[in-house]
Amino acid sequence: MADEIAKAQVPQPGGDTIFGKIIRKEIPAKIIFEDDRCLGFHNISPQAPTHFLVIPKKHITQISAAEDDDESLLGHLMIGYRMVVNEGSDGGQSVYHIHLHVLGGPQMHWPPG
């Protein structure tokens, strides 16, 4: 199982991802929300006191690959919280399935510093 998870975490644009396996319940995740369009689950390597991911069940590799008919789905993912989206390899994207990092904890200030 560990080899399968490690293999699924390697960035592969267009390939199956660890998130596809989580959606299909092929590998475990601490799911905190699910509806017919999306899934929310705890991050395995949290970067804040509260850190979970929200993903669409439809496989869209990244924001720039979304199509016009994905607008409603993307809006459904983004209601009411602070989030981070990594776009492409230069932006730190490691899994090529759109995913929003939702972070919580002490009040964050902008700009940082």
PDB file of N, CA and C in Angstrom:
ATOM      1  N   MET A   1       0.830  -1.199   0.000  1.00  0.00           N
ATOM      2  CA  MET A   1       0.000   0.000   0.000  1.00  0.00           C
ATOM      3  C   MET A   1       0.864   1.249   0.000  1.00  0.00           C
ATOM      4  N   ALA A   2       1.950   1.268   0.782  1.00  0.00           N
ATOM      5  CA  ALA A   2       2.817   2.449   0.847  1.00  0.00           C
ATOM      6  C   ALA A   2       3.435   2.748  -0.509  1.00  0.00           C
ATOM      7  N   ASP A   3       3.835   1.700  -1.265  1.00  0.00           N
ATOM      8  CA  ASP A   3       4.394   1.910  -2.602  1.00  0.00           C
ATOM      9  C   ASP A   3       3.362   2.528  -3.533  1.00  0.00           C
ATOM     10  N   GLU A   4       2.125   2.077  -3.435  1.00  0.00           N
ATOM     11  CA  GLU A   4       1.051   2.608  -4.280  1.00  0.00           C
ATOM     12  C   GLU A   4       0.796   4.079  -3.967  1.00  0.00           C
ATOM     13  N   ILE A   5       0.805   4.448  -2.697  1.00  0.00           N
ATOM     14  CA  ILE A   5       0.608   5.844  -2.307  1.00  0.00           C
ATOM     15  C   ILE A   5       1.776   6.687  -2.791  1.00  0.00           C
ATOM     16  N   ALA A   6       3.001   6.222  -2.604  1.00  0.00           N
ATOM     17  CA  ALA A   6       4.178   6.971  -3.063  1.00  0.00           C
ATOM     18  C   ALA A   6       4.134   7.167  -4.572  1.00  0.00           C
ATOM     19  N   LYS A   7       3.777   6.135  -5.314  1.00  0.00           N
ATOM     20  CA  LYS A   7       3.679   6.228  -6.775  1.00  0.00           C
ATOM     21  C   LYS A   7       2.614   7.243  -7.183  1.00  0.00           C
ATOM     22  N   ALA A   8       1.478   7.243  -6.490  1.00  0.00           N
ATOM     23  CA  ALA A   8       0.380   8.152  -6.829  1.00  0.00           C
ATOM     24  C   ALA A   8       0.715   9.596  -6.510  1.00  0.00           C
ATOM     25  N   GLN A   9       1.697   9.838  -5.634  1.00  0.00           N
ATOM     26  CA  GLN A   9       2.052  11.203  -5.258  1.00  0.00           C
ATOM     27  C   GLN A   9       3.051  11.844  -6.217  1.00  0.00           C
ATOM     28  N   VAL A  10       3.624  11.088  -7.142  1.00  0.00           N
ATOM     29  CA  VAL A  10       4.581  11.646  -8.097  1.00  0.00           C
ATOM     30  C   VAL A  10       3.814  12.502  -9.098  1.00  0.00           C
ATOM     31  N   PRO A  11       4.258  13.774  -9.320  1.00  0.00           N
ATOM     32  CA  PRO A  11       3.550  14.637 -10.267  1.00  0.00           C
ATOM     33  C   PRO A  11       3.515  14.031 -11.664  1.00  0.00           C
ATOM     34  N   GLN A  12       2.314  13.828 -12.190  1.00  0.00           N
ATOM     35  CA  GLN A  12       2.128  13.272 -13.520  1.00  0.00           C
ATOM     36  C   GLN A  12       0.960  13.971 -14.186  1.00  0.00           C
ATOM     37  N   PRO A  13       1.196  15.116 -14.842  1.00  0.00           N
ATOM     38  CA  PRO A  13       0.090  15.790 -15.517  1.00  0.00           C
ATOM     39  C   PRO A  13      -0.635  14.828 -16.450  1.00  0.00           C
ATOM     40  N   GLY A  14      -1.950  14.746 -16.308  1.00  0.00           N
ATOM     41  CA  GLY A  14      -2.759  13.901 -17.171  1.00  0.00           C
ATOM     42  C   GLY A  14      -2.907  12.469 -16.680  1.00  0.00           C
ATOM     43  N   GLY A  15      -2.127  12.061 -15.689  1.00  0.00           N
ATOM     44  CA  GLY A  15      -2.214  10.698 -15.188  1.00  0.00           C
ATOM     45  C   GLY A  15      -3.176  10.591 -14.023  1.00  0.00           C
ATOM     46  N   ASP A  16      -3.404   9.349 -13.572  1.00  0.00           N
ATOM     47  CA  ASP A  16      -4.214   9.152 -12.375  1.00  0.00           C
ATOM     48  C   ASP A  16      -3.438   9.725 -11.195  1.00  0.00           C
ATOM     49  N   THR A  17      -4.150  10.144 -10.177  1.00  0.00           N
ATOM     50  CA  THR A  17      -3.512  10.785  -9.033  1.00  0.00           C
ATOM     51  C   THR A  17      -3.964  10.125  -7.738  1.00  0.00           C
ATOM     52  N   ILE A  18      -3.278  10.471  -6.679  1.00  0.00           N
ATOM     53  CA  ILE A  18      -3.671  10.000  -5.354  1.00  0.00           C
ATOM     54  C   ILE A  18      -5.093  10.477  -5.032  1.00  0.00           C
ATOM     55  N   PHE A  19      -5.482  11.652  -5.548  1.00  0.00           N
ATOM     56  CA  PHE A  19      -6.827  12.156  -5.268  1.00  0.00           C
ATOM     57  C   PHE A  19      -7.892  11.316  -5.964  1.00  0.00           C
ATOM     58  N   GLY A  20      -7.618  10.851  -7.178  1.00  0.00           N
ATOM     59  CA  GLY A  20      -8.552   9.946  -7.846  1.00  0.00           C
ATOM     60  C   GLY A  20      -8.754   8.681  -7.032  1.00  0.00           C
ATOM     61  N   LYS A  21      -7.666   8.181  -6.465  1.00  0.00           N
ATOM     62  CA  LYS A  21      -7.748   6.980  -5.641  1.00  0.00           C
ATOM     63  C   LYS A  21      -8.532   7.244  -4.348  1.00  0.00           C
ATOM     64  N   ILE A  22      -8.393   8.447  -3.789  1.00  0.00           N
ATOM     65  CA  ILE A  22      -9.164   8.811  -2.594  1.00  0.00           C
ATOM     66  C   ILE A  22     -10.642   8.924  -2.948  1.00  0.00           C
ATOM     67  N   ILE A  23     -10.960   9.564  -4.064  1.00  0.00           N
ATOM     68  CA  ILE A  23     -12.358   9.697  -4.497  1.00  0.00           C
ATOM     69  C   ILE A  23     -12.997   8.321  -4.662  1.00  0.00           C
ATOM     70  N   ARG A  24     -12.268   7.390  -5.271  1.00  0.00           N
ATOM     71  CA  ARG A  24     -12.787   6.036  -5.510  1.00  0.00           C
ATOM     72  C   ARG A  24     -12.699   5.143  -4.271  1.00  0.00           C
ATOM     73  N   LYS A  25     -12.177   5.701  -3.146  1.00  0.00           N
ATOM     74  CA  LYS A  25     -12.038   4.965  -1.874  1.00  0.00           C
ATOM     75  C   LYS A  25     -11.075   3.782  -2.007  1.00  0.00           C
ATOM     76  N   GLU A  26     -10.075   3.917  -2.891  1.00  0.00           N
ATOM     77  CA  GLU A  26      -9.058   2.877  -3.053  1.00  0.00           C
ATOM     78  C   GLU A  26      -7.948   3.014  -2.018  1.00  0.00           C
ATOM     79  N   ILE A  27      -7.757   4.218  -1.494  1.00  0.00           N
ATOM     80  CA  ILE A  27      -6.803   4.440  -0.410  1.00  0.00           C
ATOM     81  C   ILE A  27      -7.502   5.277   0.655  1.00  0.00           C
ATOM     82  N   PRO A  28      -7.082   5.150   1.903  1.00  0.00           N
ATOM     83  CA  PRO A  28      -7.783   5.839   2.993  1.00  0.00           C
ATOM     84  C   PRO A  28      -7.483   7.334   3.041  1.00  0.00           C
ATOM     85  N   ALA A  29      -8.437   8.070   3.572  1.00  0.00           N
ATOM     86  CA  ALA A  29      -8.284   9.502   3.851  1.00  0.00           C
ATOM     87  C   ALA A  29      -9.240   9.838   4.986  1.00  0.00           C
ATOM     88  N   LYS A  30      -8.904  10.871   5.752  1.00  0.00           N
ATOM     89  CA  LYS A  30      -9.793  11.346   6.818  1.00  0.00           C
ATOM     90  C   LYS A  30     -10.767  12.341   6.198  1.00  0.00           C
ATOM     91  N   ILE A  31     -11.847  11.811   5.646  1.00  0.00           N
ATOM     92  CA  ILE A  31     -12.836  12.617   4.930  1.00  0.00           C
ATOM     93  C   ILE A  31     -13.678  13.389   5.937  1.00  0.00           C
ATOM     94  N   ILE A  32     -13.815  14.703   5.678  1.00  0.00           N
ATOM     95  CA  ILE A  32     -14.608  15.554   6.568  1.00  0.00           C
ATOM     96  C   ILE A  32     -15.846  16.108   5.882  1.00  0.00           C
ATOM     97  N   PHE A  33     -15.910  16.001   4.548  1.00  0.00           N
ATOM     98  CA  PHE A  33     -17.076  16.472   3.806  1.00  0.00           C
ATOM     99  C   PHE A  33     -17.110  15.751   2.470  1.00  0.00           C
ATOM    100  N   GLU A  34     -18.328  15.431   2.032  1.00  0.00           N
ATOM    101  CA  GLU A  34     -18.493  14.861   0.701  1.00  0.00           C
ATOM    102  C   GLU A  34     -19.894  15.159   0.214  1.00  0.00           C
ATOM    103  N   ASP A  35     -19.984  15.565  -1.037  1.00  0.00           N
ATOM    104  CA  ASP A  35     -21.271  15.654  -1.707  1.00  0.00           C
ATOM    105  C   ASP A  35     -21.085  15.073  -3.104  1.00  0.00           C
ATOM    106  N   ASP A  36     -22.062  15.265  -3.977  1.00  0.00           N
ATOM    107  CA  ASP A  36     -21.974  14.652  -5.301  1.00  0.00           C
ATOM    108  C   ASP A  36     -20.923  15.301  -6.197  1.00  0.00           C
ATOM    109  N   ARG A  37     -20.412  16.488  -5.822  1.00  0.00           N
ATOM    110  CA  ARG A  37     -19.476  17.214  -6.679  1.00  0.00           C
ATOM    111  C   ARG A  37     -18.068  17.336  -6.121  1.00  0.00           C
ATOM    112  N   CYS A  38     -17.906  17.228  -4.804  1.00  0.00           N
ATOM    113  CA  CYS A  38     -16.576  17.449  -4.231  1.00  0.00           C
ATOM    114  C   CYS A  38     -16.360  16.619  -2.971  1.00  0.00           C
ATOM    115  N   LEU A  39     -15.097  16.644  -2.530  1.00  0.00           N
ATOM    116  CA  LEU A  39     -14.683  15.877  -1.371  1.00  0.00           C
ATOM    117  C   LEU A  39     -13.719  16.733  -0.564  1.00  0.00           C
ATOM    118  N   GLY A  40     -13.859  16.737   0.757  1.00  0.00           N
ATOM    119  CA  GLY A  40     -12.937  17.444   1.642  1.00  0.00           C
ATOM    120  C   GLY A  40     -12.301  16.448   2.593  1.00  0.00           C
ATOM    121  N   PHE A  41     -10.983  16.565   2.783  1.00  0.00           N
ATOM    122  CA  PHE A  41     -10.289  15.637   3.671  1.00  0.00           C
ATOM    123  C   PHE A  41      -9.052  16.300   4.257  1.00  0.00           C
ATOM    124  N   HIS A  42      -8.606  15.787   5.406  1.00  0.00           N
ATOM    125  CA  HIS A  42      -7.441  16.337   6.096  1.00  0.00           C
ATOM    126  C   HIS A  42      -6.179  16.121   5.276  1.00  0.00           C
ATOM    127  N   ASN A  43      -5.295  17.124   5.268  1.00  0.00           N
ATOM    128  CA  ASN A  43      -4.001  17.023   4.610  1.00  0.00           C
ATOM    129  C   ASN A  43      -3.107  16.080   5.411  1.00  0.00           C
ATOM    130  N   ILE A  44      -2.346  15.240   4.718  1.00  0.00           N
ATOM    131  CA  ILE A  44      -1.477  14.296   5.430  1.00  0.00           C
ATOM    132  C   ILE A  44      -0.224  14.960   5.992  1.00  0.00           C
ATOM    133  N   SER A  45       0.044  16.200   5.562  1.00  0.00           N
ATOM    134  CA  SER A  45       1.208  16.937   6.062  1.00  0.00           C
ATOM    135  C   SER A  45       0.786  18.375   6.351  1.00  0.00           C
ATOM    136  N   PRO A  46      -0.005  18.598   7.423  1.00  0.00           N
ATOM    137  CA  PRO A  46      -0.587  19.920   7.667  1.00  0.00           C
ATOM    138  C   PRO A  46       0.455  21.016   7.868  1.00  0.00           C
ATOM    139  N   GLN A  47       0.155  22.193   7.303  1.00  0.00           N
ATOM    140  CA  GLN A  47       1.018  23.362   7.398  1.00  0.00           C
ATOM    141  C   GLN A  47       0.415  24.439   8.296  1.00  0.00           C
ATOM    142  N   ALA A  48      -0.692  24.131   8.956  1.00  0.00           N
ATOM    143  CA  ALA A  48      -1.380  25.059   9.858  1.00  0.00           C
ATOM    144  C   ALA A  48      -2.166  24.210  10.853  1.00  0.00           C
ATOM    145  N   PRO A  49      -2.629  24.804  11.975  1.00  0.00           N
ATOM    146  CA  PRO A  49      -3.415  24.027  12.940  1.00  0.00           C
ATOM    147  C   PRO A  49      -4.611  23.316  12.299  1.00  0.00           C
ATOM    148  N   THR A  50      -5.236  23.953  11.335  1.00  0.00           N
ATOM    149  CA  THR A  50      -6.289  23.329  10.542  1.00  0.00           C
ATOM    150  C   THR A  50      -5.836  23.387   9.096  1.00  0.00           C
ATOM    151  N   HIS A  51      -5.746  22.246   8.440  1.00  0.00           N
ATOM    152  CA  HIS A  51      -5.316  22.204   7.042  1.00  0.00           C
ATOM    153  C   HIS A  51      -5.987  21.010   6.388  1.00  0.00           C
ATOM    154  N   PHE A  52      -6.919  21.313   5.490  1.00  0.00           N
ATOM    155  CA  PHE A  52      -7.557  20.242   4.748  1.00  0.00           C
ATOM    156  C   PHE A  52      -7.621  20.619   3.283  1.00  0.00           C
ATOM    157  N   LEU A  53      -7.937  19.648   2.457  1.00  0.00           N
ATOM    158  CA  LEU A  53      -8.018  19.839   1.020  1.00  0.00           C
ATOM    159  C   LEU A  53      -9.457  19.678   0.577  1.00  0.00           C
ATOM    160  N   VAL A  54      -9.845  20.446  -0.428  1.00  0.00           N
ATOM    161  CA  VAL A  54     -11.147  20.310  -1.063  1.00  0.00           C
ATOM    162  C   VAL A  54     -10.871  20.075  -2.539  1.00  0.00           C
ATOM    163  N   ILE A  55     -11.423  18.994  -3.077  1.00  0.00           N
ATOM    164  CA  ILE A  55     -11.179  18.646  -4.472  1.00  0.00           C
ATOM    165  C   ILE A  55     -12.494  18.384  -5.191  1.00  0.00           C
ATOM    166  N   PRO A  56     -12.541  18.682  -6.487  1.00  0.00           N
ATOM    167  CA  PRO A  56     -13.714  18.275  -7.259  1.00  0.00           C
ATOM    168  C   PRO A  56     -13.614  16.785  -7.560  1.00  0.00           C
ATOM    169  N   LYS A  57     -14.735  16.109  -7.656  1.00  0.00           N
ATOM    170  CA  LYS A  57     -14.708  14.703  -8.049  1.00  0.00           C
ATOM    171  C   LYS A  57     -14.392  14.562  -9.534  1.00  0.00           C
ATOM    172  N   LYS A  58     -14.697  15.587 -10.305  1.00  0.00           N
ATOM    173  CA  LYS A  58     -14.307  15.601 -11.715  1.00  0.00           C
ATOM    174  C   LYS A  58     -12.806  15.871 -11.779  1.00  0.00           C
ATOM    175  N   HIS A  59     -12.080  15.078 -12.548  1.00  0.00           N
ATOM    176  CA  HIS A  59     -10.630  15.276 -12.664  1.00  0.00           C
ATOM    177  C   HIS A  59     -10.337  16.434 -13.619  1.00  0.00           C
ATOM    178  N   ILE A  60      -9.875  17.537 -13.037  1.00  0.00           N
ATOM    179  CA  ILE A  60      -9.389  18.701 -13.781  1.00  0.00           C
ATOM    180  C   ILE A  60      -7.961  18.877 -13.295  1.00  0.00           C
ATOM    181  N   THR A  61      -6.990  18.867 -14.195  1.00  0.00           N
ATOM    182  CA  THR A  61      -5.591  18.847 -13.765  1.00  0.00           C
ATOM    183  C   THR A  61      -5.172  20.097 -13.025  1.00  0.00           C
ATOM    184  N   GLN A  62      -5.598  21.271 -13.491  1.00  0.00           N
ATOM    185  CA  GLN A  62      -5.208  22.517 -12.842  1.00  0.00           C
ATOM    186  C   GLN A  62      -6.163  23.626 -13.262  1.00  0.00           C
ATOM    187  N   ILE A  63      -6.126  24.755 -12.541  1.00  0.00           N
ATOM    188  CA  ILE A  63      -7.043  25.866 -12.795  1.00  0.00           C
ATOM    189  C   ILE A  63      -6.990  26.293 -14.257  1.00  0.00           C
ATOM    190  N   SER A  64      -5.789  26.400 -14.820  1.00  0.00           N
ATOM    191  CA  SER A  64      -5.649  26.869 -16.201  1.00  0.00           C
ATOM    192  C   SER A  64      -6.222  25.880 -17.215  1.00  0.00           C
ATOM    193  N   ALA A  65      -6.500  24.651 -16.802  1.00  0.00           N
ATOM    194  CA  ALA A  65      -7.083  23.656 -17.697  1.00  0.00           C
ATOM    195  C   ALA A  65      -8.603  23.579 -17.562  1.00  0.00           C
ATOM    196  N   ALA A  66      -9.171  24.343 -16.645  1.00  0.00           N
ATOM    197  CA  ALA A  66     -10.625  24.333 -16.456  1.00  0.00           C
ATOM    198  C   ALA A  66     -11.305  24.919 -17.688  1.00  0.00           C
ATOM    199  N   GLU A  67     -12.486  24.425 -17.974  1.00  0.00           N
ATOM    200  CA  GLU A  67     -13.262  24.889 -19.118  1.00  0.00           C
ATOM    201  C   GLU A  67     -14.442  25.714 -18.630  1.00  0.00           C
ATOM    202  N   ASP A  68     -15.086  26.405 -19.565  1.00  0.00           N
ATOM    203  CA  ASP A  68     -16.207  27.270 -19.208  1.00  0.00           C
ATOM    204  C   ASP A  68     -17.281  26.523 -18.420  1.00  0.00           C
ATOM    205  N   ASP A  69     -17.562  25.278 -18.788  1.00  0.00           N
ATOM    206  CA  ASP A  69     -18.619  24.544 -18.084  1.00  0.00           C
ATOM    207  C   ASP A  69     -18.194  24.062 -16.693  1.00  0.00           C
ATOM    208  N   ASP A  70     -16.944  24.322 -16.298  1.00  0.00           N
ATOM    209  CA  ASP A  70     -16.479  24.001 -14.945  1.00  0.00           C
ATOM    210  C   ASP A  70     -16.698  25.156 -13.970  1.00  0.00           C
ATOM    211  N   GLU A  71     -17.183  26.295 -14.455  1.00  0.00           N
ATOM    212  CA  GLU A  71     -17.319  27.489 -13.612  1.00  0.00           C
ATOM    213  C   GLU A  71     -18.159  27.222 -12.366  1.00  0.00           C
ATOM    214  N   SER A  72     -19.299  26.587 -12.518  1.00  0.00           N
ATOM    215  CA  SER A  72     -20.173  26.315 -11.377  1.00  0.00           C
ATOM    216  C   SER A  72     -19.494  25.376 -10.379  1.00  0.00           C
ATOM    217  N   LEU A  73     -18.807  24.363 -10.876  1.00  0.00           N
ATOM    218  CA  LEU A  73     -18.105  23.420 -10.007  1.00  0.00           C
ATOM    219  C   LEU A  73     -17.009  24.118  -9.221  1.00  0.00           C
ATOM    220  N   LEU A  74     -16.210  24.947  -9.876  1.00  0.00           N
ATOM    221  CA  LEU A  74     -15.131  25.655  -9.184  1.00  0.00           C
ATOM    222  C   LEU A  74     -15.693  26.619  -8.151  1.00  0.00           C
ATOM    223  N   GLY A  75     -16.780  27.295  -8.476  1.00  0.00           N
ATOM    224  CA  GLY A  75     -17.435  28.174  -7.507  1.00  0.00           C
ATOM    225  C   GLY A  75     -17.935  27.395  -6.300  1.00  0.00           C
ATOM    226  N   HIS A  76     -18.430  26.192  -6.534  1.00  0.00           N
ATOM    227  CA  HIS A  76     -18.922  25.323  -5.461  1.00  0.00           C
ATOM    228  C   HIS A  76     -17.807  24.984  -4.469  1.00  0.00           C
ATOM    229  N   LEU A  77     -16.571  24.902  -4.946  1.00  0.00           N
ATOM    230  CA  LEU A  77     -15.432  24.565  -4.089  1.00  0.00           C
ATOM    231  C   LEU A  77     -14.969  25.731  -3.234  1.00  0.00           C
ATOM    232  N   MET A  78     -15.277  26.955  -3.629  1.00  0.00           N
ATOM    233  CA  MET A  78     -14.612  28.135  -3.072  1.00  0.00           C
ATOM    234  C   MET A  78     -15.506  29.025  -2.234  1.00  0.00           C
ATOM    235  N   ILE A  79     -16.415  28.482  -1.488  1.00  0.00           N
ATOM    236  CA  ILE A  79     -17.348  29.308  -0.732  1.00  0.00           C
ATOM    237  C   ILE A  79     -16.884  29.463   0.714  1.00  0.00           C
ATOM    238  N   GLY A  80     -16.427  30.659   1.081  1.00  0.00           N
ATOM    239  CA  GLY A  80     -16.286  31.047   2.472  1.00  0.00           C
ATOM    240  C   GLY A  80     -15.085  30.635   3.275  1.00  0.00           C
ATOM    241  N   TYR A  81     -13.896  30.588   2.721  1.00  0.00           N
ATOM    242  CA  TYR A  81     -12.728  30.300   3.536  1.00  0.00           C
ATOM    243  C   TYR A  81     -11.458  30.766   2.845  1.00  0.00           C
ATOM    244  N   ARG A  82     -10.360  30.861   3.615  1.00  0.00           N
ATOM    245  CA  ARG A  82      -9.044  31.218   3.065  1.00  0.00           C
ATOM    246  C   ARG A  82      -8.448  29.963   2.458  1.00  0.00           C
ATOM    247  N   MET A  83      -7.962  30.088   1.226  1.00  0.00           N
ATOM    248  CA  MET A  83      -7.419  28.914   0.563  1.00  0.00           C
ATOM    249  C   MET A  83      -6.173  29.249  -0.234  1.00  0.00           C
ATOM    250  N   VAL A  84      -5.416  28.221  -0.555  1.00  0.00           N
ATOM    251  CA  VAL A  84      -4.219  28.336  -1.374  1.00  0.00           C
ATOM    252  C   VAL A  84      -4.369  27.347  -2.521  1.00  0.00           C
ATOM    253  N   VAL A  85      -4.046  27.802  -3.739  1.00  0.00           N
ATOM    254  CA  VAL A  85      -4.039  26.928  -4.904  1.00  0.00           C
ATOM    255  C   VAL A  85      -2.654  27.001  -5.523  1.00  0.00           C
ATOM    256  N   ASN A  86      -1.997  25.867  -5.664  1.00  0.00           N
ATOM    257  CA  ASN A  86      -0.705  25.800  -6.347  1.00  0.00           C
ATOM    258  C   ASN A  86      -0.974  25.447  -7.806  1.00  0.00           C
ATOM    259  N   GLU A  87      -0.495  26.267  -8.731  1.00  0.00           N
ATOM    260  CA  GLU A  87      -0.778  26.104 -10.156  1.00  0.00           C
ATOM    261  C   GLU A  87       0.487  25.726 -10.909  1.00  0.00           C
ATOM    262  N   GLY A  88       0.528  24.532 -11.458  1.00  0.00           N
ATOM    263  CA  GLY A  88       1.656  24.084 -12.269  1.00  0.00           C
ATOM    264  C   GLY A  88       2.906  23.798 -11.452  1.00  0.00           C
ATOM    265  N   SER A  89       3.895  23.216 -12.110  1.00  0.00           N
ATOM    266  CA  SER A  89       5.117  22.834 -11.392  1.00  0.00           C
ATOM    267  C   SER A  89       5.858  24.043 -10.845  1.00  0.00           C
ATOM    268  N   ASP A  90       5.859  25.172 -11.569  1.00  0.00           N
ATOM    269  CA  ASP A  90       6.528  26.374 -11.067  1.00  0.00           C
ATOM    270  C   ASP A  90       5.805  26.968  -9.861  1.00  0.00           C
ATOM    271  N   GLY A  91       4.520  26.671  -9.715  1.00  0.00           N
ATOM    272  CA  GLY A  91       3.747  27.151  -8.574  1.00  0.00           C
ATOM    273  C   GLY A  91       3.700  26.163  -7.425  1.00  0.00           C
ATOM    274  N   GLY A  92       4.433  25.066  -7.543  1.00  0.00           N
ATOM    275  CA  GLY A  92       4.493  24.091  -6.457  1.00  0.00           C
ATOM    276  C   GLY A  92       3.416  23.023  -6.496  1.00  0.00           C
ATOM    277  N   GLN A  93       2.684  22.903  -7.624  1.00  0.00           N
ATOM    278  CA  GLN A  93       1.650  21.876  -7.702  1.00  0.00           C
ATOM    279  C   GLN A  93       2.311  20.505  -7.739  1.00  0.00           C
ATOM    280  N   SER A  94       1.910  19.618  -6.838  1.00  0.00           N
ATOM    281  CA  SER A  94       2.513  18.288  -6.764  1.00  0.00           C
ATOM    282  C   SER A  94       1.557  17.180  -7.182  1.00  0.00           C
ATOM    283  N   VAL A  95       0.249  17.443  -7.149  1.00  0.00           N
ATOM    284  CA  VAL A  95      -0.744  16.475  -7.596  1.00  0.00           C
ATOM    285  C   VAL A  95      -1.572  17.157  -8.669  1.00  0.00           C
ATOM    286  N   TYR A  96      -1.603  16.579  -9.865  1.00  0.00           N
ATOM    287  CA  TYR A  96      -2.294  17.198 -10.988  1.00  0.00           C
ATOM    288  C   TYR A  96      -3.766  16.816 -11.016  1.00  0.00           C
ATOM    289  N   HIS A  97      -4.454  17.295 -10.014  1.00  0.00           N
ATOM    290  CA  HIS A  97      -5.908  17.260  -9.853  1.00  0.00           C
ATOM    291  C   HIS A  97      -6.176  18.505  -9.027  1.00  0.00           C
ATOM    292  N   ILE A  98      -6.971  19.435  -9.543  1.00  0.00           N
ATOM    293  CA  ILE A  98      -7.213  20.684  -8.812  1.00  0.00           C
ATOM    294  C   ILE A  98      -7.506  20.366  -7.354  1.00  0.00           C
ATOM    295  N   HIS A  99      -6.846  21.097  -6.469  1.00  0.00           N
ATOM    296  CA  HIS A  99      -7.127  20.948  -5.043  1.00  0.00           C
ATOM    297  C   HIS A  99      -6.864  22.269  -4.341  1.00  0.00           C
ATOM    298  N   LEU A 100      -7.768  22.602  -3.448  1.00  0.00           N
ATOM    299  CA  LEU A 100      -7.671  23.827  -2.668  1.00  0.00           C
ATOM    300  C   LEU A 100      -7.174  23.465  -1.277  1.00  0.00           C
ATOM    301  N   HIS A 101      -6.118  24.126  -0.841  1.00  0.00           N
ATOM    302  CA  HIS A 101      -5.634  23.964   0.529  1.00  0.00           C
ATOM    303  C   HIS A 101      -6.397  24.966   1.387  1.00  0.00           C
ATOM    304  N   VAL A 102      -7.146  24.495   2.348  1.00  0.00           N
ATOM    305  CA  VAL A 102      -7.883  25.362   3.261  1.00  0.00           C
ATOM    306  C   VAL A 102      -7.107  25.379   4.572  1.00  0.00           C
ATOM    307  N   LEU A 103      -6.692  26.589   4.984  1.00  0.00           N
ATOM    308  CA  LEU A 103      -5.834  26.759   6.155  1.00  0.00           C
ATOM    309  C   LEU A 103      -6.562  27.544   7.231  1.00  0.00           C
ATOM    310  N   GLY A 104      -6.404  27.128   8.464  1.00  0.00           N
ATOM    311  CA  GLY A 104      -7.006  27.844   9.578  1.00  0.00           C
ATOM    312  C   GLY A 104      -6.095  27.822  10.780  1.00  0.00           C
ATOM    313  N   GLY A 105      -6.325  28.726  11.668  1.00  0.00           N
ATOM    314  CA  GLY A 105      -5.511  28.844  12.872  1.00  0.00           C
ATOM    315  C   GLY A 105      -5.496  30.300  13.283  1.00  0.00           C
ATOM    316  N   PRO A 106      -4.352  30.802  13.760  1.00  0.00           N
ATOM    317  CA  PRO A 106      -4.266  32.220  14.122  1.00  0.00           C
ATOM    318  C   PRO A 106      -4.607  33.102  12.922  1.00  0.00           C
ATOM    319  N   GLN A 107      -5.170  34.268  13.195  1.00  0.00           N
ATOM    320  CA  GLN A 107      -5.532  35.197  12.124  1.00  0.00           C
ATOM    321  C   GLN A 107      -4.317  35.492  11.253  1.00  0.00           C
ATOM    322  N   MET A 108      -4.490  35.327   9.955  1.00  0.00           N
ATOM    323  CA  MET A 108      -3.402  35.593   9.021  1.00  0.00           C
ATOM    324  C   MET A 108      -3.499  37.040   8.553  1.00  0.00           C
ATOM    325  N   HIS A 109      -2.374  37.692   8.389  1.00  0.00           N
ATOM    326  CA  HIS A 109      -2.352  39.091   7.967  1.00  0.00           C
ATOM    327  C   HIS A 109      -1.811  39.203   6.551  1.00  0.00           C
ATOM    328  N   TRP A 110      -2.318  40.154   5.795  1.00  0.00           N
ATOM    329  CA  TRP A 110      -1.837  40.390   4.436  1.00  0.00           C
ATOM    330  C   TRP A 110      -1.518  41.848   4.281  1.00  0.00           C
ATOM    331  N   PRO A 111      -0.402  42.211   3.741  1.00  0.00           N
ATOM    332  CA  PRO A 111       0.641  41.283   3.310  1.00  0.00           C
ATOM    333  C   PRO A 111       1.371  40.695   4.501  1.00  0.00           C
ATOM    334  N   PRO A 112       2.002  39.509   4.294  1.00  0.00           N
ATOM    335  CA  PRO A 112       2.711  38.862   5.398  1.00  0.00           C
ATOM    336  C   PRO A 112       3.894  39.693   5.878  1.00  0.00           C
ATOM    337  N   GLY A 113       4.282  39.471   7.136  1.00  0.00           N
ATOM    338  CA  GLY A 113       5.480  40.135   7.659  1.00  0.00           C
ATOM    339  C   GLY A 113       5.206  41.188   8.676  1.00  0.00           C
TER     340      GLY A 113
END
